[in-house]
PDB file of N, CA and C in Angstrom:
ATOM      1  N   UNK A   1       0.817  -1.155  -0.222  1.00  0.00           N
ATOM      2  CA  UNK A   1      -0.020   0.115  -0.099  1.00  0.00           C
ATOM      3  C   UNK A   1       0.725   1.296  -0.311  1.00  0.00           C
ATOM      4  N   UNK A   2       1.868   1.260   0.830  1.00  0.00           N
ATOM      5  CA  UNK A   2       2.563   2.225   0.803  1.00  0.00           C
ATOM      6  C   UNK A   2       3.406   2.438  -0.456  1.00  0.00           C
ATOM      7  N   UNK A   3       3.912   1.623  -1.116  1.00  0.00           N
ATOM      8  CA  UNK A   3       4.518   1.803  -2.680  1.00  0.00           C
ATOM      9  C   UNK A   3       3.443   2.315  -3.406  1.00  0.00           C
ATOM     10  N   UNK A   4       2.390   2.089  -3.181  1.00  0.00           N
ATOM     11  CA  UNK A   4       1.454   2.619  -4.521  1.00  0.00           C
ATOM     12  C   UNK A   4       1.044   3.962  -4.273  1.00  0.00           C
ATOM     13  N   UNK A   5       1.125   4.426  -2.833  1.00  0.00           N
ATOM     14  CA  UNK A   5       0.986   5.868  -2.609  1.00  0.00           C
ATOM     15  C   UNK A   5       2.053   6.904  -3.182  1.00  0.00           C
ATOM     16  N   UNK A   6       3.367   5.953  -2.887  1.00  0.00           N
ATOM     17  CA  UNK A   6       4.782   6.775  -3.328  1.00  0.00           C
ATOM     18  C   UNK A   6       4.719   6.882  -4.868  1.00  0.00           C
ATOM     19  N   UNK A   7       4.164   5.866  -5.910  1.00  0.00           N
ATOM     20  CA  UNK A   7       4.068   5.831  -7.022  1.00  0.00           C
ATOM     21  C   UNK A   7       3.003   7.113  -7.380  1.00  0.00           C
ATOM     22  N   UNK A   8       1.875   6.941  -6.713  1.00  0.00           N
ATOM     23  CA  UNK A   8       0.659   8.327  -6.880  1.00  0.00           C
ATOM     24  C   UNK A   8       1.621   9.350  -7.081  1.00  0.00           C
ATOM     25  N   UNK A   9       2.008   9.623  -5.534  1.00  0.00           N
ATOM     26  CA  UNK A   9       2.408  10.860  -5.499  1.00  0.00           C
ATOM     27  C   UNK A   9       3.923  11.091  -6.765  1.00  0.00           C
ATOM     28  N   UNK A  10       4.508  10.439  -7.142  1.00  0.00           N
ATOM     29  CA  UNK A  10       5.757  10.830  -8.275  1.00  0.00           C
ATOM     30  C   UNK A  10       4.752  11.058  -9.425  1.00  0.00           C
ATOM     31  N   UNK A  11       3.849  10.305  -9.918  1.00  0.00           N
ATOM     32  CA  UNK A  11       3.162  10.753 -11.137  1.00  0.00           C
ATOM     33  C   UNK A  11       2.050  12.195 -11.046  1.00  0.00           C
ATOM     34  N   UNK A  12       2.201  12.299  -9.660  1.00  0.00           N
ATOM     35  CA  UNK A  12       1.455  13.932  -9.805  1.00  0.00           C
ATOM     36  C   UNK A  12       2.507  14.954  -9.903  1.00  0.00           C
ATOM     37  N   UNK A  13       3.292  14.404  -9.308  1.00  0.00           N
ATOM     38  CA  UNK A  13       4.448  15.415  -9.181  1.00  0.00           C
ATOM     39  C   UNK A  13       5.162  15.754 -10.883  1.00  0.00           C
ATOM     40  N   UNK A  14       5.087  14.615 -11.344  1.00  0.00           N
ATOM     41  CA  UNK A  14       5.967  14.849 -13.092  1.00  0.00           C
ATOM     42  C   UNK A  14       4.692  15.571 -13.611  1.00  0.00           C
ATOM     43  N   UNK A  15       3.482  15.149 -13.807  1.00  0.00           N
ATOM     44  CA  UNK A  15       2.453  16.076 -14.510  1.00  0.00           C
ATOM     45  C   UNK A  15       2.464  17.412 -14.048  1.00  0.00           C
ATOM     46  N   UNK A  16       2.692  17.836 -13.005  1.00  0.00           N
ATOM     47  CA  UNK A  16       2.388  18.923 -12.578  1.00  0.00           C
ATOM     48  C   UNK A  16       3.695  19.994 -13.208  1.00  0.00           C
ATOM     49  N   UNK A  17       5.061  19.145 -13.314  1.00  0.00           N
ATOM     50  CA  UNK A  17       6.178  19.985 -13.929  1.00  0.00           C
ATOM     51  C   UNK A  17       6.187  20.144 -15.099  1.00  0.00           C
ATOM     52  N   UNK A  18       5.317  19.166 -15.758  1.00  0.00           N
ATOM     53  CA  UNK A  18       5.176  19.357 -17.745  1.00  0.00           C
ATOM     54  C   UNK A  18       4.459  20.254 -17.980  1.00  0.00           C
ATOM     55  N   UNK A  19       3.209  20.634 -16.650  1.00  0.00           N
ATOM     56  CA  UNK A  19       2.148  21.643 -17.331  1.00  0.00           C
ATOM     57  C   UNK A  19       3.057  23.164 -17.254  1.00  0.00           C
ATOM     58  N   UNK A  20       3.862  23.116 -17.057  1.00  0.00           N
ATOM     59  CA  UNK A  20       4.543  24.636 -16.509  1.00  0.00           C
ATOM     60  C   UNK A  20       5.681  24.811 -17.238  1.00  0.00           C
ATOM     61  N   UNK A  21       5.693  24.507 -18.393  1.00  0.00           N
ATOM     62  CA  UNK A  21       6.772  24.760 -19.567  1.00  0.00           C
ATOM     63  C   UNK A  21       7.062  26.138 -19.803  1.00  0.00           C
ATOM     64  N   UNK A  22       8.123  26.643 -20.641  1.00  0.00           N
ATOM     65  CA  UNK A  22       8.470  27.628 -21.304  1.00  0.00           C
ATOM     66  C   UNK A  22       7.809  27.498 -22.806  1.00  0.00           C
ATOM     67  N   UNK A  23       7.414  28.647 -23.293  1.00  0.00           N
ATOM     68  CA  UNK A  23       7.412  28.374 -24.809  1.00  0.00           C
ATOM     69  C   UNK A  23       8.339  28.307 -25.535  1.00  0.00           C
ATOM     70  N   UNK A  24       8.377  27.536 -26.672  1.00  0.00           N
ATOM     71  CA  UNK A  24       9.391  27.342 -27.245  1.00  0.00           C
ATOM     72  C   UNK A  24       9.805  28.465 -28.365  1.00  0.00           C
ATOM     73  N   UNK A  25      10.971  28.515 -28.854  1.00  0.00           N
ATOM     74  CA  UNK A  25      10.923  29.719 -29.995  1.00  0.00           C
ATOM     75  C   UNK A  25       9.848  29.810 -31.081  1.00  0.00           C
ATOM     76  N   UNK A  26       9.902  28.700 -31.419  1.00  0.00           N
ATOM     77  CA  UNK A  26       8.731  28.649 -32.609  1.00  0.00           C
ATOM     78  C   UNK A  26       7.736  29.241 -32.295  1.00  0.00           C
ATOM     79  N   UNK A  27       6.805  28.616 -30.867  1.00  0.00           N
ATOM     80  CA  UNK A  27       5.658  29.283 -30.509  1.00  0.00           C
ATOM     81  C   UNK A  27       5.580  30.679 -30.290  1.00  0.00           C
ATOM     82  N   UNK A  28       7.321  31.377 -29.796  1.00  0.00           N
ATOM     83  CA  UNK A  28       6.827  32.610 -29.405  1.00  0.00           C
ATOM     84  C   UNK A  28       7.108  33.507 -31.083  1.00  0.00           C
ATOM     85  N   UNK A  29       7.422  32.853 -31.788  1.00  0.00           N
ATOM     86  CA  UNK A  29       7.581  33.703 -33.368  1.00  0.00           C
ATOM     87  C   UNK A  29       5.843  33.828 -33.936  1.00  0.00           C
ATOM     88  N   UNK A  30       5.266  32.201 -33.343  1.00  0.00           N
ATOM     89  CA  UNK A  30       4.291  32.232 -34.244  1.00  0.00           C
ATOM     90  C   UNK A  30       3.199  33.335 -33.439  1.00  0.00           C
ATOM     91  N   UNK A  31       3.163  33.424 -32.420  1.00  0.00           N
ATOM     92  CA  UNK A  31       2.578  34.269 -31.378  1.00  0.00           C
ATOM     93  C   UNK A  31       2.784  35.910 -32.131  1.00  0.00           C
ATOM     94  N   UNK A  32       4.019  36.117 -32.265  1.00  0.00           N
ATOM     95  CA  UNK A  32       4.399  37.490 -32.790  1.00  0.00           C
ATOM     96  C   UNK A  32       3.792  37.842 -33.915  1.00  0.00           C
ATOM     97  N   UNK A  33       3.665  36.556 -35.073  1.00  0.00           N
ATOM     98  CA  UNK A  33       3.351  37.024 -36.313  1.00  0.00           C
ATOM     99  C   UNK A  33       1.695  37.116 -36.038  1.00  0.00           C
ATOM    100  N   UNK A  34       1.091  36.215 -35.465  1.00  0.00           N
ATOM    101  CA  UNK A  34      -0.232  36.325 -35.201  1.00  0.00           C
ATOM    102  C   UNK A  34      -0.406  37.758 -34.762  1.00  0.00           C
ATOM    103  N   UNK A  35       0.238  38.151 -33.826  1.00  0.00           N
ATOM    104  CA  UNK A  35      -0.109  39.781 -33.271  1.00  0.00           C
ATOM    105  C   UNK A  35       0.034  40.999 -34.318  1.00  0.00           C
ATOM    106  N   UNK A  36       1.051  40.684 -35.247  1.00  0.00           N
ATOM    107  CA  UNK A  36       1.475  41.516 -36.257  1.00  0.00           C
ATOM    108  C   UNK A  36       0.206  41.810 -37.291  1.00  0.00           C
ATOM    109  N   UNK A  37      -0.091  40.417 -37.587  1.00  0.00           N
ATOM    110  CA  UNK A  37      -1.259  40.212 -38.798  1.00  0.00           C
ATOM    111  C   UNK A  37      -2.546  40.890 -38.313  1.00  0.00           C
ATOM    112  N   UNK A  38      -2.917  40.628 -36.605  1.00  0.00           N
ATOM    113  CA  UNK A  38      -4.016  41.509 -36.180  1.00  0.00           C
ATOM    114  C   UNK A  38      -3.638  43.064 -36.197  1.00  0.00           C
ATOM    115  N   UNK A  39      -2.356  43.511 -35.780  1.00  0.00           N
ATOM    116  CA  UNK A  39      -2.594  44.799 -35.635  1.00  0.00           C
ATOM    117  C   UNK A  39      -2.285  45.644 -37.066  1.00  0.00           C
ATOM    118  N   UNK A  40      -1.852  44.422 -38.273  1.00  0.00           N
ATOM    119  CA  UNK A  40      -2.032  45.089 -39.550  1.00  0.00           C
ATOM    120  C   UNK A  40      -3.732  45.323 -40.298  1.00  0.00           C
ATOM    121  N   UNK A  41      -4.469  44.128 -39.530  1.00  0.00           N
ATOM    122  CA  UNK A  41      -6.128  44.133 -39.948  1.00  0.00           C
ATOM    123  C   UNK A  41      -6.630  45.234 -39.382  1.00  0.00           C
ATOM    124  N   UNK A  42      -6.137  45.581 -38.318  1.00  0.00           N
ATOM    125  CA  UNK A  42      -6.820  46.863 -37.493  1.00  0.00           C
ATOM    126  C   UNK A  42      -6.511  47.893 -38.070  1.00  0.00           C
ATOM    127  N   UNK A  43      -5.096  47.900 -38.749  1.00  0.00           N
ATOM    128  CA  UNK A  43      -4.952  49.603 -39.418  1.00  0.00           C
ATOM    129  C   UNK A  43      -5.422  49.690 -40.324  1.00  0.00           C
ATOM    130  N   UNK A  44      -5.655  48.937 -40.922  1.00  0.00           N
ATOM    131  CA  UNK A  44      -6.634  48.502 -42.326  1.00  0.00           C
ATOM    132  C   UNK A  44      -8.140  48.858 -42.384  1.00  0.00           C
ATOM    133  N   UNK A  45      -8.951  48.490 -41.320  1.00  0.00           N
ATOM    134  CA  UNK A  45      -9.986  48.925 -40.980  1.00  0.00           C
ATOM    135  C   UNK A  45     -10.119  50.149 -40.440  1.00  0.00           C
ATOM    136  N   UNK A  46      -8.896  50.952 -39.836  1.00  0.00           N
ATOM    137  CA  UNK A  46      -8.707  52.159 -39.201  1.00  0.00           C
ATOM    138  C   UNK A  46      -9.144  53.197 -40.567  1.00  0.00           C
ATOM    139  N   UNK A  47      -8.089  52.618 -41.558  1.00  0.00           N
ATOM    140  CA  UNK A  47      -8.057  53.549 -42.998  1.00  0.00           C
ATOM    141  C   UNK A  47      -9.230  53.823 -43.197  1.00  0.00           C
ATOM    142  N   UNK A  48      -9.833  52.433 -43.614  1.00  0.00           N
ATOM    143  CA  UNK A  48     -11.211  52.245 -44.075  1.00  0.00           C
ATOM    144  C   UNK A  48     -11.950  53.356 -43.956  1.00  0.00           C
ATOM    145  N   UNK A  49     -12.208  53.119 -42.214  1.00  0.00           N
ATOM    146  CA  UNK A  49     -13.109  53.924 -41.554  1.00  0.00           C
ATOM    147  C   UNK A  49     -12.767  55.497 -41.762  1.00  0.00           C
ATOM    148  N   UNK A  50     -11.220  56.157 -41.656  1.00  0.00           N
ATOM    149  CA  UNK A  50     -10.972  57.566 -42.075  1.00  0.00           C
ATOM    150  C   UNK A  50     -11.412  57.610 -43.508  1.00  0.00           C
ATOM    151  N   UNK A  51     -11.257  56.718 -44.469  1.00  0.00           N
ATOM    152  CA  UNK A  51     -11.452  57.411 -45.992  1.00  0.00           C
ATOM    153  C   UNK A  51     -13.159  57.289 -46.106  1.00  0.00           C
ATOM    154  N   UNK A  52     -13.829  56.661 -45.601  1.00  0.00           N
ATOM    155  CA  UNK A  52     -15.313  56.495 -45.651  1.00  0.00           C
ATOM    156  C   UNK A  52     -15.796  57.853 -44.513  1.00  0.00           C
ATOM    157  N   UNK A  53     -15.126  58.263 -43.786  1.00  0.00           N
ATOM    158  CA  UNK A  53     -15.284  59.454 -43.237  1.00  0.00           C
ATOM    159  C   UNK A  53     -15.560  60.714 -43.875  1.00  0.00           C
ATOM    160  N   UNK A  54     -14.251  60.671 -44.657  1.00  0.00           N
ATOM    161  CA  UNK A  54     -13.692  61.809 -45.738  1.00  0.00           C
ATOM    162  C   UNK A  54     -14.568  61.698 -46.747  1.00  0.00           C
ATOM    163  N   UNK A  55     -15.102  60.858 -47.333  1.00  0.00           N
ATOM    164  CA  UNK A  55     -16.104  60.556 -48.396  1.00  0.00           C
ATOM    165  C   UNK A  55     -17.423  61.733 -48.109  1.00  0.00           C
ATOM    166  N   UNK A  56     -17.752  61.102 -46.922  1.00  0.00           N
ATOM    167  CA  UNK A  56     -18.994  61.832 -46.415  1.00  0.00           C
ATOM    168  C   UNK A  56     -19.094  63.389 -46.196  1.00  0.00           C
TER     169      UNK A  56
END
C-alpha cells in the first residue's frame, strides 16, 4: 500500500512539472506573427473608416 502511494505522488509531481513549461522559440514567433497580422488588420480597418468619413 505504501508503494502505491509513493507511485501516485510521483506521478502527480511529474504531471504538474510538465504543465509549467516555457514557450519554445517557434511558439513565440508564431504568437508574434499573429499579433502583427492582427495589428495590420486593425490598421486597414481604421484607414477604411477614415476614408469613408472623408468621403461623407
